[in-house]
Amino acid sequence: MDPQIIARPDHTVSRKQISPSAIKVLYGLKDVGYTAYLAGGGVRDILL
């Protein structure tokens, strides 16, 4: 199953709400050629 990607204008999650460590990991993976997503409980908690 492909991940459901919600475009930035269609959600209320801001990078300011995400742990700097999580952002660092996501960009670190991207920089070496991987695709990474923020998903699961972390996203749920931000949305609630």
PDB file of N, CA and C in Angstrom:
ATOM      1  N   MET A   1       0.848  -1.174   0.000  1.00  0.00           N
ATOM      2  CA  MET A   1       0.000   0.000   0.000  1.00  0.00           C
ATOM      3  C   MET A   1       0.896   1.242   0.000  1.00  0.00           C
ATOM      4  N   ASP A   2       0.622   2.174  -0.855  1.00  0.00           N
ATOM      5  CA  ASP A   2       1.371   3.424  -0.905  1.00  0.00           C
ATOM      6  C   ASP A   2       0.935   4.343   0.235  1.00  0.00           C
ATOM      7  N   PRO A   3       1.854   5.133   0.761  1.00  0.00           N
ATOM      8  CA  PRO A   3       1.480   6.060   1.836  1.00  0.00           C
ATOM      9  C   PRO A   3       0.537   7.139   1.320  1.00  0.00           C
ATOM     10  N   GLN A   4      -0.333   7.603   2.199  1.00  0.00           N
ATOM     11  CA  GLN A   4      -1.209   8.720   1.852  1.00  0.00           C
ATOM     12  C   GLN A   4      -0.459   9.995   2.194  1.00  0.00           C
ATOM     13  N   ILE A   5      -0.114  10.776   1.198  1.00  0.00           N
ATOM     14  CA  ILE A   5       0.625  12.016   1.395  1.00  0.00           C
ATOM     15  C   ILE A   5      -0.361  13.176   1.282  1.00  0.00           C
ATOM     16  N   ILE A   6      -0.446  13.967   2.345  1.00  0.00           N
ATOM     17  CA  ILE A   6      -1.370  15.098   2.371  1.00  0.00           C
ATOM     18  C   ILE A   6      -0.566  16.367   2.107  1.00  0.00           C
ATOM     19  N   ALA A   7      -0.933  17.085   1.079  1.00  0.00           N
ATOM     20  CA  ALA A   7      -0.215  18.298   0.680  1.00  0.00           C
ATOM     21  C   ALA A   7      -0.245  19.350   1.788  1.00  0.00           C
ATOM     22  N   ARG A   8       0.797  20.149   1.865  1.00  0.00           N
ATOM     23  CA  ARG A   8       0.920  21.160   2.921  1.00  0.00           C
ATOM     24  C   ARG A   8      -0.314  22.052   3.067  1.00  0.00           C
ATOM     25  N   PRO A   9      -0.915  22.540   1.984  1.00  0.00           N
ATOM     26  CA  PRO A   9      -2.100  23.399   2.157  1.00  0.00           C
ATOM     27  C   PRO A   9      -3.320  22.665   2.743  1.00  0.00           C
ATOM     28  N   ASP A  10      -3.267  21.329   2.765  1.00  0.00           N
ATOM     29  CA  ASP A  10      -4.423  20.542   3.192  1.00  0.00           C
ATOM     30  C   ASP A  10      -4.330  20.006   4.616  1.00  0.00           C
ATOM     31  N   HIS A  11      -3.326  20.442   5.375  1.00  0.00           N
ATOM     32  CA  HIS A  11      -3.236  20.019   6.778  1.00  0.00           C
ATOM     33  C   HIS A  11      -2.709  21.180   7.635  1.00  0.00           C
ATOM     34  N   THR A  12      -2.786  20.992   8.950  1.00  0.00           N
ATOM     35  CA  THR A  12      -2.410  22.069   9.871  1.00  0.00           C
ATOM     36  C   THR A  12      -1.094  21.809  10.604  1.00  0.00           C
ATOM     37  N   VAL A  13      -0.371  20.767  10.224  1.00  0.00           N
ATOM     38  CA  VAL A  13       0.881  20.437  10.899  1.00  0.00           C
ATOM     39  C   VAL A  13       1.976  21.389  10.432  1.00  0.00           C
ATOM     40  N   SER A  14       2.669  21.980  11.394  1.00  0.00           N
ATOM     41  CA  SER A  14       3.772  22.896  11.110  1.00  0.00           C
ATOM     42  C   SER A  14       5.080  22.238  11.550  1.00  0.00           C
ATOM     43  N   ARG A  15       6.176  22.556  10.860  1.00  0.00           N
ATOM     44  CA  ARG A  15       7.486  22.034  11.278  1.00  0.00           C
ATOM     45  C   ARG A  15       7.810  22.457  12.707  1.00  0.00           C
ATOM     46  N   LYS A  16       7.275  23.577  13.144  1.00  0.00           N
ATOM     47  CA  LYS A  16       7.518  24.064  14.508  1.00  0.00           C
ATOM     48  C   LYS A  16       6.949  23.107  15.565  1.00  0.00           C
ATOM     49  N   GLN A  17       5.976  22.279  15.182  1.00  0.00           N
ATOM     50  CA  GLN A  17       5.347  21.340  16.100  1.00  0.00           C
ATOM     51  C   GLN A  17       6.086  20.005  16.155  1.00  0.00           C
ATOM     52  N   ILE A  18       7.030  19.791  15.265  1.00  0.00           N
ATOM     53  CA  ILE A  18       7.743  18.519  15.160  1.00  0.00           C
ATOM     54  C   ILE A  18       9.081  18.635  15.873  1.00  0.00           C
ATOM     55  N   SER A  19       9.440  17.608  16.594  1.00  0.00           N
ATOM     56  CA  SER A  19      10.715  17.575  17.308  1.00  0.00           C
ATOM     57  C   SER A  19      11.878  17.886  16.369  1.00  0.00           C
ATOM     58  N   PRO A  20      12.780  18.766  16.786  1.00  0.00           N
ATOM     59  CA  PRO A  20      13.962  19.047  15.958  1.00  0.00           C
ATOM     60  C   PRO A  20      14.765  17.780  15.641  1.00  0.00           C
ATOM     61  N   SER A  21      14.779  16.828  16.569  1.00  0.00           N
ATOM     62  CA  SER A  21      15.488  15.564  16.327  1.00  0.00           C
ATOM     63  C   SER A  21      14.828  14.772  15.205  1.00  0.00           C
ATOM     64  N   ALA A  22      13.496  14.759  15.187  1.00  0.00           N
ATOM     65  CA  ALA A  22      12.778  14.051  14.123  1.00  0.00           C
ATOM     66  C   ALA A  22      13.036  14.708  12.775  1.00  0.00           C
ATOM     67  N   ILE A  23      13.029  16.030  12.744  1.00  0.00           N
ATOM     68  CA  ILE A  23      13.322  16.762  11.502  1.00  0.00           C
ATOM     69  C   ILE A  23      14.732  16.427  11.017  1.00  0.00           C
ATOM     70  N   LYS A  24      15.683  16.383  11.953  1.00  0.00           N
ATOM     71  CA  LYS A  24      17.073  16.070  11.606  1.00  0.00           C
ATOM     72  C   LYS A  24      17.175  14.682  10.978  1.00  0.00           C
ATOM     73  N   VAL A  25      16.481  13.707  11.558  1.00  0.00           N
ATOM     74  CA  VAL A  25      16.500  12.347  11.011  1.00  0.00           C
ATOM     75  C   VAL A  25      15.877  12.325   9.618  1.00  0.00           C
ATOM     76  N   LEU A  26      14.722  12.966   9.449  1.00  0.00           N
ATOM     77  CA  LEU A  26      14.044  12.976   8.144  1.00  0.00           C
ATOM     78  C   LEU A  26      14.934  13.582   7.061  1.00  0.00           C
ATOM     79  N   TYR A  27      15.544  14.722   7.356  1.00  0.00           N
ATOM     80  CA  TYR A  27      16.419  15.360   6.362  1.00  0.00           C
ATOM     81  C   TYR A  27      17.710  14.579   6.153  1.00  0.00           C
ATOM     82  N   GLY A  28      18.225  13.971   7.224  1.00  0.00           N
ATOM     83  CA  GLY A  28      19.420  13.139   7.088  1.00  0.00           C
ATOM     84  C   GLY A  28      19.188  11.969   6.146  1.00  0.00           C
ATOM     85  N   LEU A  29      18.047  11.315   6.287  1.00  0.00           N
ATOM     86  CA  LEU A  29      17.695  10.211   5.384  1.00  0.00           C
ATOM     87  C   LEU A  29      17.523  10.709   3.955  1.00  0.00           C
ATOM     88  N   LYS A  30      16.842  11.844   3.805  1.00  0.00           N
ATOM     89  CA  LYS A  30      16.641  12.425   2.474  1.00  0.00           C
ATOM     90  C   LYS A  30      17.975  12.749   1.808  1.00  0.00           C
ATOM     91  N   ASP A  31      18.907  13.292   2.575  1.00  0.00           N
ATOM     92  CA  ASP A  31      20.198  13.713   2.037  1.00  0.00           C
ATOM     93  C   ASP A  31      21.029  12.552   1.492  1.00  0.00           C
ATOM     94  N   VAL A  32      20.792  11.341   1.999  1.00  0.00           N
ATOM     95  CA  VAL A  32      21.543  10.185   1.498  1.00  0.00           C
ATOM     96  C   VAL A  32      20.717   9.307   0.558  1.00  0.00           C
ATOM     97  N   GLY A  33      19.589   9.866   0.079  1.00  0.00           N
ATOM     98  CA  GLY A  33      18.838   9.196  -0.975  1.00  0.00           C
ATOM     99  C   GLY A  33      17.619   8.394  -0.571  1.00  0.00           C
ATOM    100  N   TYR A  34      17.268   8.407   0.707  1.00  0.00           N
ATOM    101  CA  TYR A  34      16.079   7.678   1.146  1.00  0.00           C
ATOM    102  C   TYR A  34      14.852   8.583   1.106  1.00  0.00           C
ATOM    103  N   THR A  35      13.698   7.961   1.120  1.00  0.00           N
ATOM    104  CA  THR A  35      12.441   8.680   1.279  1.00  0.00           C
ATOM    105  C   THR A  35      11.932   8.377   2.687  1.00  0.00           C
ATOM    106  N   ALA A  36      11.629   9.396   3.461  1.00  0.00           N
ATOM    107  CA  ALA A  36      11.173   9.207   4.837  1.00  0.00           C
ATOM    108  C   ALA A  36       9.903  10.015   5.066  1.00  0.00           C
ATOM    109  N   TYR A  37       9.064   9.495   5.931  1.00  0.00           N
ATOM    110  CA  TYR A  37       7.790  10.140   6.235  1.00  0.00           C
ATOM    111  C   TYR A  37       7.608  10.239   7.738  1.00  0.00           C
ATOM    112  N   LEU A  38       6.988  11.292   8.185  1.00  0.00           N
ATOM    113  CA  LEU A  38       6.550  11.401   9.568  1.00  0.00           C
ATOM    114  C   LEU A  38       5.157  10.770   9.610  1.00  0.00           C
ATOM    115  N   ALA A  39       5.002   9.785  10.471  1.00  0.00           N
ATOM    116  CA  ALA A  39       3.736   9.033  10.466  1.00  0.00           C
ATOM    117  C   ALA A  39       3.389   8.525  11.865  1.00  0.00           C
ATOM    118  N   GLY A  40       2.205   8.014  11.994  1.00  0.00           N
ATOM    119  CA  GLY A  40       1.801   7.324  13.208  1.00  0.00           C
ATOM    120  C   GLY A  40       1.397   8.237  14.346  1.00  0.00           C
ATOM    121  N   GLY A  41       1.758   7.791  15.562  1.00  0.00           N
ATOM    122  CA  GLY A  41       1.341   8.487  16.776  1.00  0.00           C
ATOM    123  C   GLY A  41       1.817   9.917  16.868  1.00  0.00           C
ATOM    124  N   GLY A  42       3.012  10.178  16.341  1.00  0.00           N
ATOM    125  CA  GLY A  42       3.523  11.546  16.367  1.00  0.00           C
ATOM    126  C   GLY A  42       2.629  12.501  15.608  1.00  0.00           C
ATOM    127  N   VAL A  43       2.189  12.083  14.454  1.00  0.00           N
ATOM    128  CA  VAL A  43       1.275  12.908  13.661  1.00  0.00           C
ATOM    129  C   VAL A  43      -0.080  13.008  14.350  1.00  0.00           C
ATOM    130  N   ARG A  44      -0.559  11.896  14.866  1.00  0.00           N
ATOM    131  CA  ARG A  44      -1.849  11.901  15.577  1.00  0.00           C
ATOM    132  C   ARG A  44      -1.821  12.891  16.732  1.00  0.00           C
ATOM    133  N   ASP A  45      -0.747  12.863  17.527  1.00  0.00           N
ATOM    134  CA  ASP A  45      -0.659  13.745  18.683  1.00  0.00           C
ATOM    135  C   ASP A  45      -0.647  15.212  18.277  1.00  0.00           C
ATOM    136  N   ILE A  46       0.059  15.534  17.199  1.00  0.00           N
ATOM    137  CA  ILE A  46       0.078  16.915  16.721  1.00  0.00           C
ATOM    138  C   ILE A  46      -1.322  17.352  16.261  1.00  0.00           C
ATOM    139  N   LEU A  47      -2.018  16.481  15.563  1.00  0.00           N
ATOM    140  CA  LEU A  47      -3.338  16.812  15.053  1.00  0.00           C
ATOM    141  C   LEU A  47      -4.380  16.961  16.147  1.00  0.00           C
ATOM    142  N   LEU A  48      -4.191  16.214  17.226  1.00  0.00           N
ATOM    143  CA  LEU A  48      -5.160  16.313  18.337  1.00  0.00           C
ATOM    144  C   LEU A  48      -4.885  17.521  19.171  1.00  0.00           C
TER     145      LEU A  48
END
